[in-house]
């Protein structure tokens, strides 16, 4: 069974507007040492927010390429995807946090109790190490599945209306 440790991240707050003011993004390496500094840049390759002090050590000591962009230039800010409630459990209205590979089903913290005997139940945060193209394809699959589910639901409702209507002889 998956452990219940969750990664602290404020990525989903980036660029949001609350009550007319902008939510500032914190530097992720600083947060790991319980220091709250405002991020000024974003590494697109590592998907990580950085302050000015952490930017240089990031590029020097972290392996790989680093496409560093200034957060003040909004066209380079990371994409924030609003899932419009598709990331919530329809039964419990809780955020989906787990994926049961045995049943190919997303689970919230309540649903996961049903799947406790399953062999492969993983935290979504742990699985999210996939590359952006894989995640975009996954999102597209979710959108297509939602569309198909809506079409099936509409067909069922139309059939039900037809069955409940007056009998014609």
Protein backbone atom coordinates (compact mmCIF):
# COMPACT_ATOMS: atom_id res chain seq x y z
CA UNK A 1 0.00 0.00 0.00
CA UNK A 2 1.21 3.51 -0.69
CA UNK A 3 2.53 5.57 2.16
CA UNK A 4 0.65 8.67 3.15
CA UNK A 5 3.44 11.22 2.93
CA UNK A 6 2.53 14.08 0.67
CA UNK A 7 4.91 16.49 -1.02
CA UNK A 8 4.41 20.06 0.11
CA UNK A 9 4.12 22.27 -2.91
CA UNK A 10 2.54 25.57 -3.68
CA UNK A 11 2.83 25.23 -7.45
CA UNK A 12 -0.93 25.25 -7.90
CA UNK A 13 -1.10 28.76 -6.38
CA UNK A 14 1.18 30.36 -8.96
CA UNK A 15 -0.44 33.22 -10.77
CA UNK A 16 -3.82 32.84 -9.07
CA UNK A 17 -5.76 35.93 -8.13
CA UNK A 18 -7.45 35.99 -4.76
CA UNK A 19 -9.51 39.00 -3.80
CA UNK A 20 -7.78 41.17 -6.39
CA UNK A 21 -4.25 40.43 -5.18
CA UNK A 22 -1.73 38.06 -6.69
CA UNK A 23 -0.52 35.04 -4.73
CA UNK A 24 3.27 35.03 -4.68
CA UNK A 25 5.21 31.89 -5.43
CA UNK A 26 7.78 30.69 -2.87
CA UNK A 27 11.27 29.37 -3.63
CA UNK A 28 11.08 25.57 -3.36
CA UNK A 29 14.67 24.89 -2.15
CA UNK A 30 14.24 27.54 0.57
CA UNK A 31 10.94 25.96 1.67
CA UNK A 32 12.77 22.68 2.24
CA UNK A 33 14.84 24.46 4.90
CA UNK A 34 11.77 26.22 6.38
CA UNK A 35 12.69 29.59 4.88
CA UNK A 36 10.02 31.48 2.99
CA UNK A 37 11.48 33.53 0.11
CA UNK A 38 9.62 34.74 -2.94
CA UNK A 39 10.64 33.00 -6.14
CA UNK A 40 11.85 35.25 -8.92
CA UNK A 41 12.66 32.64 -11.58
CA UNK A 42 11.35 29.29 -12.76
CA UNK A 43 13.40 26.38 -14.16
CA UNK A 44 11.21 24.99 -16.95
CA UNK A 45 13.30 21.82 -17.26
CA UNK A 46 13.16 20.94 -13.54
CA UNK A 47 9.68 22.42 -12.98
CA UNK A 48 11.01 24.29 -9.93
CA UNK A 49 10.58 27.81 -8.54
CA UNK A 50 13.77 29.54 -7.34
CA UNK A 51 14.81 32.77 -5.65
CA UNK A 52 17.84 34.77 -6.85
CA UNK A 53 20.06 33.18 -4.19
CA UNK A 54 19.15 29.61 -5.23
CA UNK A 55 19.28 30.17 -8.99
CA UNK A 56 23.07 29.84 -9.44
CA UNK A 57 23.56 26.80 -7.15
CA UNK A 58 20.63 25.16 -8.97
CA UNK A 59 22.30 25.46 -12.37
CA UNK A 60 25.75 24.50 -11.05
CA UNK A 61 24.98 21.57 -8.74
CA UNK A 62 21.83 20.05 -10.20
CA UNK A 63 22.57 17.88 -13.25
CA UNK A 64 20.90 18.44 -16.60
CA UNK A 65 19.91 21.42 -18.65
CA UNK A 66 18.22 24.39 -17.05
CA UNK A 67 15.92 26.71 -18.97
CA UNK A 68 15.60 29.50 -16.37
CA UNK A 69 12.94 32.12 -17.02
CA UNK A 70 12.01 35.26 -15.13
CA UNK A 71 8.61 34.98 -13.40
CA UNK A 72 7.84 38.64 -14.01
CA UNK A 73 7.62 37.90 -17.72
CA UNK A 74 4.15 36.26 -17.69
CA UNK A 75 4.52 34.60 -21.06
CA UNK A 76 7.16 32.31 -19.53
CA UNK A 77 5.23 31.50 -16.37
CA UNK A 78 4.39 27.80 -16.06
CA UNK A 79 1.04 26.54 -17.27
CA UNK A 80 -1.57 26.20 -14.56
CA UNK A 81 -4.28 23.74 -15.48
CA UNK A 82 -7.73 24.12 -13.96
CA UNK A 83 -9.21 20.64 -13.82
CA UNK A 84 -12.74 22.04 -13.31
CA UNK A 85 -13.51 19.52 -10.59
CA UNK A 86 -12.29 16.51 -12.60
CA UNK A 87 -9.60 16.03 -9.94
CA UNK A 88 -12.27 15.53 -7.25
CA UNK A 89 -13.89 12.27 -6.22
CA UNK A 90 -17.54 12.35 -7.30
CA UNK A 91 -18.59 10.22 -4.33
CA UNK A 92 -16.65 11.93 -1.52
CA UNK A 93 -15.87 15.38 -3.03
CA UNK A 94 -12.23 14.95 -2.00
CA UNK A 95 -9.12 15.49 -4.09
CA UNK A 96 -7.85 12.42 -5.95
CA UNK A 97 -4.56 11.46 -4.34
CA UNK A 98 -4.01 7.82 -5.33
CA UNK A 99 -4.11 5.62 -8.41
CA UNK A 100 -5.03 1.93 -8.19
CA UNK A 101 -3.26 0.26 -11.09
CA UNK A 102 -5.09 -3.02 -10.44
CA UNK A 103 -8.42 -1.35 -11.29
CA UNK A 104 -7.09 1.60 -13.35
CA UNK A 105 -8.96 3.92 -11.03
CA UNK A 106 -8.20 7.23 -9.34
CA UNK A 107 -8.92 7.23 -5.60
CA UNK A 108 -9.38 9.83 -2.89
CA UNK A 109 -8.27 9.19 0.70
CA UNK A 110 -11.65 7.56 1.43
CA UNK A 111 -11.79 5.43 -1.72
CA UNK A 112 -8.27 4.12 -1.16
CA UNK A 113 -9.51 2.18 1.87
CA UNK A 114 -11.54 -0.02 -0.48
CA UNK A 115 -8.35 -0.72 -2.48
CA UNK A 116 -6.12 -1.49 0.53
CA UNK A 117 -5.79 -5.13 -0.56
CA UNK A 118 -4.82 -4.21 -4.12
CA UNK A 119 -1.22 -4.86 -5.16
CA UNK A 120 -0.46 -1.55 -6.86
CA UNK A 121 -1.89 1.57 -5.24
CA UNK A 122 0.41 4.55 -5.65
CA UNK A 123 0.32 8.20 -4.72
CA UNK A 124 -0.32 10.40 -7.74
CA UNK A 125 2.39 12.79 -6.51
CA UNK A 126 4.92 9.94 -6.67
CA UNK A 127 3.78 8.94 -10.15
CA UNK A 128 3.89 12.53 -11.37
CA UNK A 129 7.60 12.26 -12.13
CA UNK A 130 6.53 11.59 -15.70
CA UNK A 131 7.57 14.01 -18.40
CA UNK A 132 5.32 16.86 -19.51
CA UNK A 133 4.35 15.22 -22.85
CA UNK A 134 3.20 12.10 -20.97
CA UNK A 135 1.19 14.23 -18.56
CA UNK A 136 -0.39 16.26 -21.38
CA UNK A 137 -1.38 13.01 -23.10
CA UNK A 138 -2.83 11.77 -19.81
CA UNK A 139 -4.81 15.01 -19.38
CA UNK A 140 -6.13 14.69 -22.94
CA UNK A 141 -7.22 11.12 -22.15
CA UNK A 142 -9.08 12.38 -19.07
CA UNK A 143 -10.82 15.06 -21.11
CA UNK A 144 -11.83 12.52 -23.77
CA UNK A 145 -13.08 10.06 -21.13
CA UNK A 146 -15.11 12.82 -19.46
CA UNK A 147 -16.62 13.76 -22.82
CA UNK A 148 -17.49 10.12 -23.55
CA UNK A 149 -18.99 9.71 -20.08
CA UNK A 150 -21.11 12.85 -20.59
CA UNK A 151 -22.33 11.53 -23.95
CA UNK A 152 -23.26 8.16 -22.44
CA UNK A 153 -25.05 9.89 -19.58
CA UNK A 154 -27.00 12.08 -22.03
CA UNK A 155 -27.98 8.99 -24.08
CA UNK A 156 -29.18 7.21 -20.94
CA UNK A 157 -31.21 10.23 -19.84
CA UNK A 158 -32.76 10.49 -23.32
CA UNK A 159 -33.61 6.78 -23.29
CA UNK A 160 -35.11 7.09 -19.82
CA UNK A 161 -37.25 10.03 -20.96
CA UNK A 162 -38.42 8.00 -23.94
CA UNK A 163 -39.29 5.01 -21.75
CA UNK A 164 -41.17 7.14 -19.21
CA UNK A 165 -43.13 9.00 -21.89
CA UNK A 166 -46.71 8.17 -22.96
CA UNK A 167 -47.18 4.88 -24.77
CA UNK A 168 -48.09 5.23 -28.42
CA UNK A 169 -50.11 2.52 -30.13
